[in-house]
Amino acid sequence: MDFLNFCAAHGILLDHYPPVGVWKRYPTQDKPRKRNGAVKFMGDHGFVQNHAIDVEVSVWKSDGNNIDSEKFVKLARKADDDRLLMQKDAANKAAGMLKQSGYGRHPYLKAKGFEEEEGNIYVLDGLHYLLIPMRVEGRLVGCQVIDEAGGKKFLFGQRTSNAEFCFDNKGLHILCEGYATALSIRHVLKSYKRRYNIHVCFSAGNLKKVASTLESGFVVADNDESGTGEKVAKEIGWPYWMSDVVGEDFNDTHLRVGLFRAGQSLIKAMGTSVSLLR
């Protein structure tokens, strides 16, 4: 199977070979209006991941014999050097944006049921962006940028692997994908007077990576149409909560049924995980 067919098998839409040695993003069959497909072509091998459905990167290897391996080794090294430089630039940009931001309310937070919640607000050309700092082992690596309509993106070139945002109240490790979900979880646990350490992981694949650094905890999974959220939760092996409505995360459930009913469901799923912290 050649590289383009390998990409197609993973639902990634591209009709030409990408540039050698760099990660490129492409649309996918399940989300053609977004660029959820990531590929890195190295000539004799390549890497492919559809972020909507693939938890891990898949590796493609060529069957050809006429490969200039030395050339591709050099390209791979240069690509790694370029990646590290972009990550450094993104971290510096995030630090600058956070320094220039103020603290206030945001339309995204209001839409998610938290009108009084405040966050880091960065203003550019009259538009207000909510910044969610992302850290690896306490070190700032970038941020998630959320616009007034709820659109989300990361800074170009930033590191996302193992990056997280934490609400740390010295309690149970709770992993989730999104910031709004974390706010709903925090509100529930505060009302039940429970301690928590909520890790916002930003993607299903990253949930697993963050979990691997912790001994135990609880997962609040998204009920994706692809089934990725539940698949990852099961692979992590911890107790987990997931909505019974396809397409919902915990914040969606909170908005649909109210925080009291959503909270009852969450606390019940946590069971002994929470009772140990009373």
Protein backbone atom coordinates (compact mmCIF):
# COMPACT_ATOMS: atom_id res chain seq x y z
CA MET A 1 0.00 0.00 0.00
CA ASP A 2 1.45 3.39 -0.97
CA PHE A 3 1.39 6.39 1.36
CA LEU A 4 -1.65 8.09 -0.17
CA ASN A 5 -3.75 4.91 0.11
CA PHE A 6 -2.53 4.46 3.68
CA CYS A 7 -3.75 7.98 4.47
CA ALA A 8 -7.08 7.25 2.79
CA ALA A 9 -7.49 4.12 4.91
CA HIS A 10 -7.28 6.39 7.95
CA GLY A 11 -9.90 8.74 6.52
CA ILE A 12 -7.45 11.51 5.60
CA LEU A 13 -8.22 13.40 2.39
CA LEU A 14 -5.20 14.27 0.23
CA ASP A 15 -4.57 13.65 -3.45
CA HIS A 16 -0.87 14.52 -3.60
CA TYR A 17 2.27 13.65 -1.70
CA PRO A 18 2.99 16.13 1.12
CA PRO A 19 6.38 17.85 1.56
CA VAL A 20 9.05 15.59 3.03
CA GLY A 21 10.06 15.82 6.67
CA VAL A 22 7.34 18.06 8.12
CA TRP A 23 3.97 17.49 9.77
CA LYS A 24 1.07 18.71 7.64
CA ARG A 25 -2.64 18.90 8.44
CA TYR A 26 -5.43 17.81 6.07
CA PRO A 27 -9.24 17.38 6.14
CA THR A 28 -10.75 14.01 7.01
CA GLN A 29 -13.74 12.09 5.72
CA ASP A 30 -15.59 12.40 9.04
CA LYS A 31 -14.84 16.14 9.42
CA PRO A 32 -14.07 17.54 5.95
CA ARG A 33 -14.35 21.16 7.09
CA LYS A 34 -11.60 20.73 9.67
CA ARG A 35 -8.00 19.61 9.39
CA ASN A 36 -8.05 16.73 11.85
CA GLY A 37 -5.66 14.64 9.75
CA ALA A 38 -1.95 14.89 10.52
CA VAL A 39 0.69 13.32 8.27
CA LYS A 40 4.47 13.34 8.08
CA PHE A 41 6.00 11.83 4.94
CA MET A 42 9.64 10.73 5.09
CA GLY A 43 9.98 9.07 1.70
CA ASP A 44 10.58 5.48 2.81
CA HIS A 45 8.24 5.75 5.78
CA GLY A 46 5.62 8.07 7.17
CA PHE A 47 3.36 8.86 10.10
CA VAL A 48 -0.42 9.27 10.03
CA GLN A 49 -3.03 10.22 12.62
CA ASN A 50 -6.69 11.14 12.30
CA HIS A 51 -7.16 13.01 15.58
CA ALA A 52 -10.91 12.38 15.60
CA ILE A 53 -10.59 8.59 15.67
CA ASP A 54 -6.96 7.55 16.14
CA VAL A 55 -5.52 7.45 19.63
CA GLU A 56 -1.99 6.73 18.43
CA VAL A 57 0.10 7.63 15.40
CA SER A 58 0.16 4.90 12.70
CA VAL A 59 3.41 4.16 10.88
CA TRP A 60 3.66 3.49 7.14
CA LYS A 61 6.70 1.82 5.56
CA SER A 62 7.52 1.67 1.86
CA ASP A 63 8.02 -1.59 -0.02
CA GLY A 64 10.38 0.13 -2.48
CA ASN A 65 14.08 -0.60 -2.73
CA ASN A 66 15.32 2.62 -4.38
CA ILE A 67 15.36 4.81 -1.31
CA ASP A 68 18.14 7.26 -0.46
CA SER A 69 18.12 6.52 3.27
CA GLU A 70 20.92 8.97 4.11
CA LYS A 71 18.95 11.79 2.53
CA PHE A 72 15.86 11.00 4.56
CA VAL A 73 17.83 10.69 7.81
CA LYS A 74 19.14 14.22 7.26
CA LEU A 75 15.66 15.48 6.48
CA ALA A 76 14.28 13.82 9.60
CA ARG A 77 16.94 15.45 11.77
CA LYS A 78 16.22 18.86 10.24
CA ALA A 79 12.49 18.33 10.77
CA ASP A 80 13.10 17.55 14.45
CA ASP A 81 15.27 20.68 14.82
CA ASP A 82 12.59 22.78 13.14
CA ARG A 83 9.91 21.28 15.38
CA LEU A 84 11.83 22.15 18.55
CA LEU A 85 12.38 25.69 17.32
CA MET A 86 8.67 26.14 16.54
CA GLN A 87 7.77 24.80 19.98
CA LYS A 88 10.11 27.32 21.62
CA ASP A 89 8.65 30.17 19.55
CA ALA A 90 5.10 29.11 20.44
CA ALA A 91 5.91 28.97 24.15
CA ASN A 92 7.39 32.48 23.99
CA LYS A 93 4.35 33.75 22.08
CA ALA A 94 2.00 32.21 24.66
CA ALA A 95 3.91 33.90 27.48
CA GLY A 96 3.65 37.25 25.70
CA MET A 97 -0.08 36.88 25.02
CA LEU A 98 -0.80 35.92 28.61
CA LYS A 99 1.23 38.87 29.86
CA GLN A 100 -0.82 41.22 27.69
CA SER A 101 -4.16 39.69 28.64
CA GLY A 102 -6.51 40.86 31.35
CA TYR A 103 -8.92 38.93 33.55
CA GLY A 104 -12.59 39.02 32.66
CA ARG A 105 -15.73 37.36 31.33
CA HIS A 106 -16.11 35.87 27.86
CA PRO A 107 -19.04 34.92 25.56
CA TYR A 108 -17.78 31.32 25.34
CA LEU A 109 -17.99 30.91 29.11
CA LYS A 110 -21.49 32.42 29.15
CA ALA A 111 -22.61 29.99 26.43
CA LYS A 112 -21.26 27.10 28.50
CA GLY A 113 -23.31 28.09 31.56
CA PHE A 114 -20.70 30.14 33.41
CA GLU A 115 -21.65 33.77 32.85
CA GLU A 116 -19.86 34.91 36.03
CA GLU A 117 -16.68 32.90 35.34
CA GLU A 118 -13.59 34.90 34.45
CA GLY A 119 -10.51 33.90 32.48
CA ASN A 120 -7.49 35.27 30.63
CA ILE A 121 -8.86 37.63 27.96
CA TYR A 122 -6.61 38.65 25.08
CA VAL A 123 -7.85 41.45 22.83
CA LEU A 124 -6.71 41.69 19.21
CA ASP A 125 -8.28 43.94 16.56
CA GLY A 126 -11.29 44.50 18.81
CA LEU A 127 -11.96 40.77 19.23
CA HIS A 128 -11.80 39.04 22.61
CA TYR A 129 -10.08 35.69 22.92
CA LEU A 130 -10.11 33.37 25.93
CA LEU A 131 -6.64 31.92 26.58
CA ILE A 132 -6.21 28.56 28.33
CA PRO A 133 -2.55 28.12 29.32
CA MET A 134 -1.11 24.69 28.49
CA ARG A 135 1.78 23.29 30.51
CA VAL A 136 3.98 20.19 30.59
CA GLU A 137 5.40 19.45 34.04
CA GLY A 138 4.58 23.01 35.06
CA ARG A 139 6.35 24.59 32.07
CA LEU A 140 4.30 26.77 29.73
CA VAL A 141 4.32 25.31 26.19
CA GLY A 142 1.44 27.20 24.57
CA CYS A 143 -2.23 27.91 24.96
CA GLN A 144 -5.62 27.08 23.57
CA VAL A 145 -7.22 30.15 22.01
CA ILE A 146 -11.04 30.33 22.06
CA ASP A 147 -12.81 33.02 20.07
CA GLU A 148 -16.14 34.66 20.86
CA ALA A 149 -18.06 32.11 18.76
CA GLY A 150 -16.41 29.17 20.52
CA GLY A 151 -13.86 28.34 17.80
CA LYS A 152 -10.73 26.75 19.22
CA LYS A 153 -7.15 26.54 18.04
CA PHE A 154 -3.63 26.07 19.37
CA LEU A 155 -0.68 28.31 18.61
CA PHE A 156 1.21 27.35 15.48
CA GLY A 157 3.95 24.83 16.18
CA GLN A 158 3.27 24.48 19.89
CA ARG A 159 3.68 21.26 21.79
CA THR A 160 0.38 19.58 22.68
CA SER A 161 1.60 16.11 23.71
CA ASN A 162 1.27 15.73 27.51
CA ALA A 163 0.18 19.39 27.75
CA GLU A 164 -2.58 20.17 30.24
CA PHE A 165 -4.36 22.83 32.25
CA CYS A 166 -5.12 21.95 35.88
CA PHE A 167 -7.60 23.01 38.53
CA ASP A 168 -5.65 21.68 41.51
CA ASN A 169 -7.46 21.40 44.83
CA LYS A 170 -5.21 18.61 46.16
CA GLY A 171 -7.63 15.78 45.50
CA LEU A 172 -8.54 12.97 43.14
CA HIS A 173 -6.99 13.15 39.66
CA ILE A 174 -9.84 13.69 37.18
CA LEU A 175 -9.10 13.74 33.45
CA CYS A 176 -11.28 15.33 30.78
CA GLU A 177 -10.83 16.77 27.31
CA GLY A 178 -12.33 20.25 27.40
CA TYR A 179 -12.11 23.37 29.53
CA ALA A 180 -15.89 23.84 29.80
CA THR A 181 -16.24 20.22 30.90
CA ALA A 182 -13.67 20.89 33.62
CA LEU A 183 -15.64 23.92 34.82
CA SER A 184 -18.79 21.80 35.15
CA ILE A 185 -16.88 19.08 37.03
CA ARG A 186 -15.32 21.62 39.37
CA HIS A 187 -18.71 23.21 40.11
CA VAL A 188 -20.20 19.82 41.01
CA LEU A 189 -17.34 18.79 43.27
CA LYS A 190 -17.33 22.15 45.04
CA SER A 191 -21.03 21.75 45.78
CA TYR A 192 -20.32 18.28 47.21
CA LYS A 193 -17.32 19.65 49.13
CA ARG A 194 -14.96 17.22 47.41
CA ARG A 195 -11.31 17.85 46.67
CA TYR A 196 -10.08 17.43 43.11
CA ASN A 197 -7.21 17.83 40.68
CA ILE A 198 -8.87 18.30 37.30
CA HIS A 199 -6.63 17.85 34.26
CA VAL A 200 -7.86 19.44 31.01
CA CYS A 201 -6.11 17.34 28.33
CA PHE A 202 -7.58 18.96 25.17
CA SER A 203 -7.94 15.70 23.17
CA ALA A 204 -8.79 12.04 23.69
CA GLY A 205 -5.34 10.90 22.63
CA ASN A 206 -3.71 13.22 25.14
CA LEU A 207 -5.94 11.87 27.94
CA LYS A 208 -4.06 8.61 27.68
CA LYS A 209 -0.67 10.31 27.71
CA VAL A 210 -1.46 12.38 30.81
CA ALA A 211 -2.95 9.34 32.56
CA SER A 212 0.30 7.44 32.00
CA THR A 213 2.07 9.93 34.29
CA LEU A 214 -0.37 9.33 37.17
CA GLU A 215 -0.97 6.34 39.44
CA SER A 216 -4.76 6.47 39.58
CA GLY A 217 -7.76 8.66 38.96
CA PHE A 218 -11.09 9.06 37.20
CA VAL A 219 -11.94 9.88 33.57
CA VAL A 220 -14.83 12.04 32.36
CA ALA A 221 -15.11 10.92 28.73
CA ASP A 222 -16.81 12.55 25.76
CA ASN A 223 -19.42 10.40 24.02
CA ASP A 224 -18.03 10.87 20.50
CA GLU A 225 -19.82 9.44 17.48
CA SER A 226 -16.55 7.68 16.67
CA GLY A 227 -16.44 6.04 20.11
CA THR A 228 -12.93 7.38 20.70
CA GLY A 229 -13.69 8.88 24.12
CA GLU A 230 -14.98 5.64 25.62
CA LYS A 231 -12.26 3.61 23.91
CA VAL A 232 -9.55 5.73 25.50
CA ALA A 233 -11.25 5.66 28.90
CA LYS A 234 -11.33 1.87 28.80
CA GLU A 235 -7.70 1.69 27.69
CA ILE A 236 -6.66 3.90 30.60
CA GLY A 237 -8.37 1.41 32.89
CA TRP A 238 -9.74 3.84 35.48
CA PRO A 239 -13.39 4.29 36.47
CA TYR A 240 -15.12 6.69 34.10
CA TRP A 241 -18.27 8.70 33.46
CA MET A 242 -19.79 9.18 30.01
CA SER A 243 -23.09 10.65 28.86
CA ASP A 244 -25.64 8.22 27.44
CA VAL A 245 -26.31 10.74 24.64
CA VAL A 246 -24.04 10.48 21.61
CA GLY A 247 -22.21 13.72 20.91
CA GLU A 248 -22.30 14.98 24.49
CA ASP A 249 -19.55 15.82 26.94
CA PHE A 250 -20.21 16.51 30.63
CA ASN A 251 -20.78 20.22 30.05
CA ASP A 252 -23.39 19.38 27.39
CA THR A 253 -25.15 17.14 29.92
CA HIS A 254 -24.96 19.90 32.53
CA LEU A 255 -26.64 22.31 30.10
CA ARG A 256 -29.28 19.77 29.03
CA VAL A 257 -30.44 18.39 32.39
CA GLY A 258 -29.11 20.95 34.86
CA LEU A 259 -26.10 20.83 37.13
CA PHE A 260 -27.90 19.04 39.97
CA ARG A 261 -28.91 15.99 37.90
CA ALA A 262 -25.63 15.96 36.01
CA GLY A 263 -23.77 16.13 39.31
CA GLN A 264 -25.72 13.22 40.78
CA SER A 265 -24.79 11.12 37.76
CA LEU A 266 -21.12 12.06 38.04
CA ILE A 267 -20.87 11.41 41.78
CA LYS A 268 -22.58 8.05 41.38
CA ALA A 269 -20.12 7.03 38.67
CA MET A 270 -17.19 8.09 40.83
CA GLY A 271 -18.43 5.90 43.67
CA THR A 272 -15.59 4.87 45.96
CA SER A 273 -13.13 7.11 44.10
CA VAL A 274 -14.85 10.10 45.69
CA SER A 275 -15.84 8.54 49.00
CA LEU A 276 -12.17 7.89 49.77
CA LEU A 277 -11.64 11.67 49.80
CA ARG A 278 -14.39 12.55 52.25
